[in-house]
Amino acid sequence: MLPPAPSSYRRLTAQQMDAARLQDEAYRYLCRLEEAKRWLEGVLEAELPGPLELERTLRNGVTLAKLGHRFAPAVVPLESIYDLDQHRYQDLGLQFQHTDNINLWRNAMASLGLPPIFYPETNDVYSGRNMPKPFPVQARFGSTHL
């Protein structure tokens, strides 16, 4: 009988497995953000900041409202987008009026017939929670409406 072949791997502790799982989740999250960024750039025909900065700027809803304008211009006219050039956001930071932009985007999704279950809550977007949620569905749905 032959001796067992030497193992090419070592057993990890629970803490090491948890750390590896968290690193994997962070990597996948960044990949989703990069995919969303590329998709948004293609749809909006504009260059956007890197994934981490994009995540922060999405909170003001300007990019989302522009996306809504792209899909439903009658529902989201450019004139109705608060802080379209984002100067107020750059000078003063996030303002409560930026939630109007998020609501415009939600209205555009509704006008396209996207079920409300896919809409992130306005407060979640404004506070930066659950940010990757809208993009996989939006990308699949949006590509059929371009």
C-alpha atoms as a PDB file:
ATOM      1  CA  MET A   1       0.000   0.000   0.000  1.00  0.00           C
ATOM      2  CA  LEU A   2       1.309   3.417  -0.967  1.00  0.00           C
ATOM      3  CA  PRO A   3       1.563   6.209   1.546  1.00  0.00           C
ATOM      4  CA  PRO A   4      -0.955   9.021   1.033  1.00  0.00           C
ATOM      5  CA  ALA A   5       0.173  11.705  -1.364  1.00  0.00           C
ATOM      6  CA  PRO A   6       1.330  14.885   0.324  1.00  0.00           C
ATOM      7  CA  SER A   7      -1.456  17.411   0.472  1.00  0.00           C
ATOM      8  CA  SER A   8      -1.019  20.501  -1.678  1.00  0.00           C
ATOM      9  CA  TYR A   9      -3.360  22.463   0.551  1.00  0.00           C
ATOM     10  CA  ARG A  10      -3.552  23.194   4.220  1.00  0.00           C
ATOM     11  CA  ARG A  11      -6.618  23.381   6.358  1.00  0.00           C
ATOM     12  CA  LEU A  12      -7.773  26.853   7.241  1.00  0.00           C
ATOM     13  CA  THR A  13      -9.134  27.960  10.572  1.00  0.00           C
ATOM     14  CA  ALA A  14     -12.673  29.315  10.815  1.00  0.00           C
ATOM     15  CA  GLN A  15     -11.304  32.849  11.168  1.00  0.00           C
ATOM     16  CA  GLN A  16      -9.168  32.428   8.042  1.00  0.00           C
ATOM     17  CA  MET A  17     -12.144  31.081   6.098  1.00  0.00           C
ATOM     18  CA  ASP A  18     -14.275  34.024   7.266  1.00  0.00           C
ATOM     19  CA  ALA A  19     -11.561  36.486   6.229  1.00  0.00           C
ATOM     20  CA  ALA A  20     -11.247  34.795   2.825  1.00  0.00           C
ATOM     21  CA  ARG A  21     -15.037  34.890   2.384  1.00  0.00           C
ATOM     22  CA  LEU A  22     -15.149  38.609   3.218  1.00  0.00           C
ATOM     23  CA  GLN A  23     -12.318  39.317   0.774  1.00  0.00           C
ATOM     24  CA  ASP A  24     -14.167  37.363  -1.909  1.00  0.00           C
ATOM     25  CA  GLU A  25     -17.380  39.307  -1.232  1.00  0.00           C
ATOM     26  CA  ALA A  26     -15.507  42.626  -1.410  1.00  0.00           C
ATOM     27  CA  TYR A  27     -13.888  41.581  -4.682  1.00  0.00           C
ATOM     28  CA  ARG A  28     -17.239  40.560  -6.181  1.00  0.00           C
ATOM     29  CA  TYR A  29     -18.808  43.827  -5.013  1.00  0.00           C
ATOM     30  CA  LEU A  30     -16.059  45.845  -6.699  1.00  0.00           C
ATOM     31  CA  CYS A  31     -16.496  43.788  -9.860  1.00  0.00           C
ATOM     32  CA  ARG A  32     -20.256  44.542  -9.856  1.00  0.00           C
ATOM     33  CA  LEU A  33     -19.526  48.237  -9.364  1.00  0.00           C
ATOM     34  CA  GLU A  34     -17.082  48.213 -12.272  1.00  0.00           C
ATOM     35  CA  GLU A  35     -19.641  46.411 -14.468  1.00  0.00           C
ATOM     36  CA  ALA A  36     -22.299  48.948 -13.467  1.00  0.00           C
ATOM     37  CA  LYS A  37     -19.900  51.801 -14.208  1.00  0.00           C
ATOM     38  CA  ARG A  38     -19.130  50.469 -17.686  1.00  0.00           C
ATOM     39  CA  TRP A  39     -22.797  49.882 -18.408  1.00  0.00           C
ATOM     40  CA  LEU A  40     -23.731  53.384 -17.215  1.00  0.00           C
ATOM     41  CA  GLU A  41     -20.947  54.922 -19.305  1.00  0.00           C
ATOM     42  CA  GLY A  42     -22.228  53.105 -22.367  1.00  0.00           C
ATOM     43  CA  VAL A  43     -25.829  54.110 -21.826  1.00  0.00           C
ATOM     44  CA  LEU A  44     -25.111  57.707 -20.825  1.00  0.00           C
ATOM     45  CA  GLU A  45     -22.251  58.115 -23.306  1.00  0.00           C
ATOM     46  CA  ALA A  46     -20.233  59.850 -20.597  1.00  0.00           C
ATOM     47  CA  GLU A  47     -17.153  59.090 -18.572  1.00  0.00           C
ATOM     48  CA  LEU A  48     -17.845  58.383 -14.906  1.00  0.00           C
ATOM     49  CA  PRO A  49     -15.520  58.295 -11.896  1.00  0.00           C
ATOM     50  CA  GLY A  50     -13.955  55.061 -10.681  1.00  0.00           C
ATOM     51  CA  PRO A  51     -16.121  52.472  -8.921  1.00  0.00           C
ATOM     52  CA  LEU A  52     -15.609  53.689  -5.348  1.00  0.00           C
ATOM     53  CA  GLU A  53     -16.131  57.357  -6.216  1.00  0.00           C
ATOM     54  CA  LEU A  54     -19.100  56.386  -8.392  1.00  0.00           C
ATOM     55  CA  GLU A  55     -20.663  54.636  -5.421  1.00  0.00           C
ATOM     56  CA  ARG A  56     -20.394  57.876  -3.415  1.00  0.00           C
ATOM     57  CA  THR A  57     -21.700  60.123  -6.193  1.00  0.00           C
ATOM     58  CA  LEU A  58     -24.659  57.867  -6.987  1.00  0.00           C
ATOM     59  CA  ARG A  59     -26.050  58.957  -3.635  1.00  0.00           C
ATOM     60  CA  ASN A  60     -26.907  62.405  -5.059  1.00  0.00           C
ATOM     61  CA  GLY A  61     -29.074  60.788  -7.727  1.00  0.00           C
ATOM     62  CA  VAL A  62     -27.796  62.960 -10.600  1.00  0.00           C
ATOM     63  CA  THR A  63     -26.376  60.035 -12.592  1.00  0.00           C
ATOM     64  CA  LEU A  64     -29.488  57.986 -11.834  1.00  0.00           C
ATOM     65  CA  ALA A  65     -31.772  60.821 -12.963  1.00  0.00           C
ATOM     66  CA  LYS A  66     -29.730  61.164 -16.167  1.00  0.00           C
ATOM     67  CA  LEU A  67     -30.251  57.437 -16.669  1.00  0.00           C
ATOM     68  CA  GLY A  68     -33.973  57.959 -16.124  1.00  0.00           C
ATOM     69  CA  HIS A  69     -33.895  60.739 -18.703  1.00  0.00           C
ATOM     70  CA  ARG A  70     -32.202  58.377 -21.167  1.00  0.00           C
ATOM     71  CA  PHE A  71     -34.989  55.797 -20.838  1.00  0.00           C
ATOM     72  CA  ALA A  72     -37.962  58.075 -20.186  1.00  0.00           C
ATOM     73  CA  PRO A  73     -37.230  61.677 -21.257  1.00  0.00           C
ATOM     74  CA  ALA A  74     -40.874  62.711 -20.882  1.00  0.00           C
ATOM     75  CA  VAL A  75     -40.865  61.525 -17.253  1.00  0.00           C
ATOM     76  CA  VAL A  76     -37.413  62.927 -16.407  1.00  0.00           C
ATOM     77  CA  PRO A  77     -36.728  66.121 -18.370  1.00  0.00           C
ATOM     78  CA  LEU A  78     -33.162  67.363 -17.888  1.00  0.00           C
ATOM     79  CA  GLU A  79     -34.491  70.644 -16.465  1.00  0.00           C
ATOM     80  CA  SER A  80     -36.048  68.785 -13.537  1.00  0.00           C
ATOM     81  CA  ILE A  81     -32.754  67.236 -12.380  1.00  0.00           C
ATOM     82  CA  TYR A  82     -31.511  69.011  -9.266  1.00  0.00           C
ATOM     83  CA  ASP A  83     -27.840  70.040  -9.388  1.00  0.00           C
ATOM     84  CA  LEU A  84     -27.348  68.658 -12.906  1.00  0.00           C
ATOM     85  CA  ASP A  85     -23.733  69.854 -13.088  1.00  0.00           C
ATOM     86  CA  GLN A  86     -23.098  68.622  -9.502  1.00  0.00           C
ATOM     87  CA  HIS A  87     -21.529  71.926  -8.417  1.00  0.00           C
ATOM     88  CA  ARG A  88     -23.670  72.098  -5.280  1.00  0.00           C
ATOM     89  CA  TYR A  89     -22.703  68.528  -4.446  1.00  0.00           C
ATOM     90  CA  GLN A  90     -19.007  69.331  -4.889  1.00  0.00           C
ATOM     91  CA  ASP A  91     -19.225  72.577  -2.896  1.00  0.00           C
ATOM     92  CA  LEU A  92     -21.693  71.696  -0.144  1.00  0.00           C
ATOM     93  CA  GLY A  93     -21.965  67.927  -0.179  1.00  0.00           C
ATOM     94  CA  LEU A  94     -25.141  65.902  -0.236  1.00  0.00           C
ATOM     95  CA  GLN A  95     -28.331  67.982   0.045  1.00  0.00           C
ATOM     96  CA  PHE A  96     -31.778  66.633   0.855  1.00  0.00           C
ATOM     97  CA  GLN A  97     -33.037  67.977  -2.499  1.00  0.00           C
ATOM     98  CA  HIS A  98     -30.844  65.346  -4.163  1.00  0.00           C
ATOM     99  CA  THR A  99     -33.506  62.815  -3.145  1.00  0.00           C
ATOM    100  CA  ASP A 100     -35.699  64.404  -5.836  1.00  0.00           C
ATOM    101  CA  ASN A 101     -33.271  62.998  -8.413  1.00  0.00           C
ATOM    102  CA  ILE A 102     -33.577  59.512  -6.967  1.00  0.00           C
ATOM    103  CA  ASN A 103     -37.362  59.783  -7.078  1.00  0.00           C
ATOM    104  CA  LEU A 104     -37.209  60.918 -10.715  1.00  0.00           C
ATOM    105  CA  TRP A 105     -35.218  57.774 -11.502  1.00  0.00           C
ATOM    106  CA  ARG A 106     -37.769  55.641  -9.658  1.00  0.00           C
ATOM    107  CA  ASN A 107     -40.552  57.313 -11.666  1.00  0.00           C
ATOM    108  CA  ALA A 108     -38.712  56.504 -14.897  1.00  0.00           C
ATOM    109  CA  MET A 109     -38.443  52.848 -13.880  1.00  0.00           C
ATOM    110  CA  ALA A 110     -42.162  52.807 -13.118  1.00  0.00           C
ATOM    111  CA  SER A 111     -42.976  54.323 -16.500  1.00  0.00           C
ATOM    112  CA  LEU A 112     -41.052  51.502 -18.176  1.00  0.00           C
ATOM    113  CA  GLY A 113     -43.073  48.890 -16.326  1.00  0.00           C
ATOM    114  CA  LEU A 114     -40.262  47.631 -14.109  1.00  0.00           C
ATOM    115  CA  PRO A 115     -41.907  45.996 -11.068  1.00  0.00           C
ATOM    116  CA  PRO A 116     -41.584  48.039  -7.855  1.00  0.00           C
ATOM    117  CA  ILE A 117     -39.887  45.112  -6.109  1.00  0.00           C
ATOM    118  CA  PHE A 118     -36.723  46.052  -8.047  1.00  0.00           C
ATOM    119  CA  TYR A 119     -36.691  49.707  -6.956  1.00  0.00           C
ATOM    120  CA  PRO A 120     -34.247  50.439  -4.181  1.00  0.00           C
ATOM    121  CA  GLU A 121     -35.696  52.688  -1.503  1.00  0.00           C
ATOM    122  CA  THR A 122     -34.900  56.367  -1.963  1.00  0.00           C
ATOM    123  CA  ASN A 123     -33.383  56.529   1.508  1.00  0.00           C
ATOM    124  CA  ASP A 124     -31.197  53.480   0.825  1.00  0.00           C
ATOM    125  CA  VAL A 125     -29.683  55.137  -2.256  1.00  0.00           C
ATOM    126  CA  TYR A 126     -29.328  58.512  -0.502  1.00  0.00           C
ATOM    127  CA  SER A 127     -27.564  56.917   2.473  1.00  0.00           C
ATOM    128  CA  GLY A 128     -25.488  54.589   0.298  1.00  0.00           C
ATOM    129  CA  ARG A 129     -27.007  51.299   1.467  1.00  0.00           C
ATOM    130  CA  ASN A 130     -27.653  48.383  -0.879  1.00  0.00           C
ATOM    131  CA  MET A 131     -26.094  50.172  -3.856  1.00  0.00           C
ATOM    132  CA  PRO A 132     -25.428  47.241  -6.196  1.00  0.00           C
ATOM    133  CA  LYS A 133     -29.079  46.126  -6.095  1.00  0.00           C
ATOM    134  CA  PRO A 134     -30.415  48.264  -8.968  1.00  0.00           C
ATOM    135  CA  PHE A 135     -27.786  47.555 -11.576  1.00  0.00           C
ATOM    136  CA  PRO A 136     -28.027  43.891 -12.577  1.00  0.00           C
ATOM    137  CA  VAL A 137     -31.767  44.236 -13.163  1.00  0.00           C
ATOM    138  CA  GLN A 138     -31.440  47.707 -14.669  1.00  0.00           C
ATOM    139  CA  ALA A 139     -28.741  46.537 -17.062  1.00  0.00           C
ATOM    140  CA  ARG A 140     -30.781  43.559 -18.263  1.00  0.00           C
ATOM    141  CA  PHE A 141     -34.011  45.515 -18.487  1.00  0.00           C
ATOM    142  CA  GLY A 142     -32.410  48.644 -19.918  1.00  0.00           C
ATOM    143  CA  SER A 143     -30.575  46.877 -22.706  1.00  0.00           C
ATOM    144  CA  THR A 144     -33.910  45.770 -24.146  1.00  0.00           C
ATOM    145  CA  HIS A 145     -35.237  49.356 -24.166  1.00  0.00           C
ATOM    146  CA  LEU A 146     -32.388  51.174 -25.888  1.00  0.00           C
END
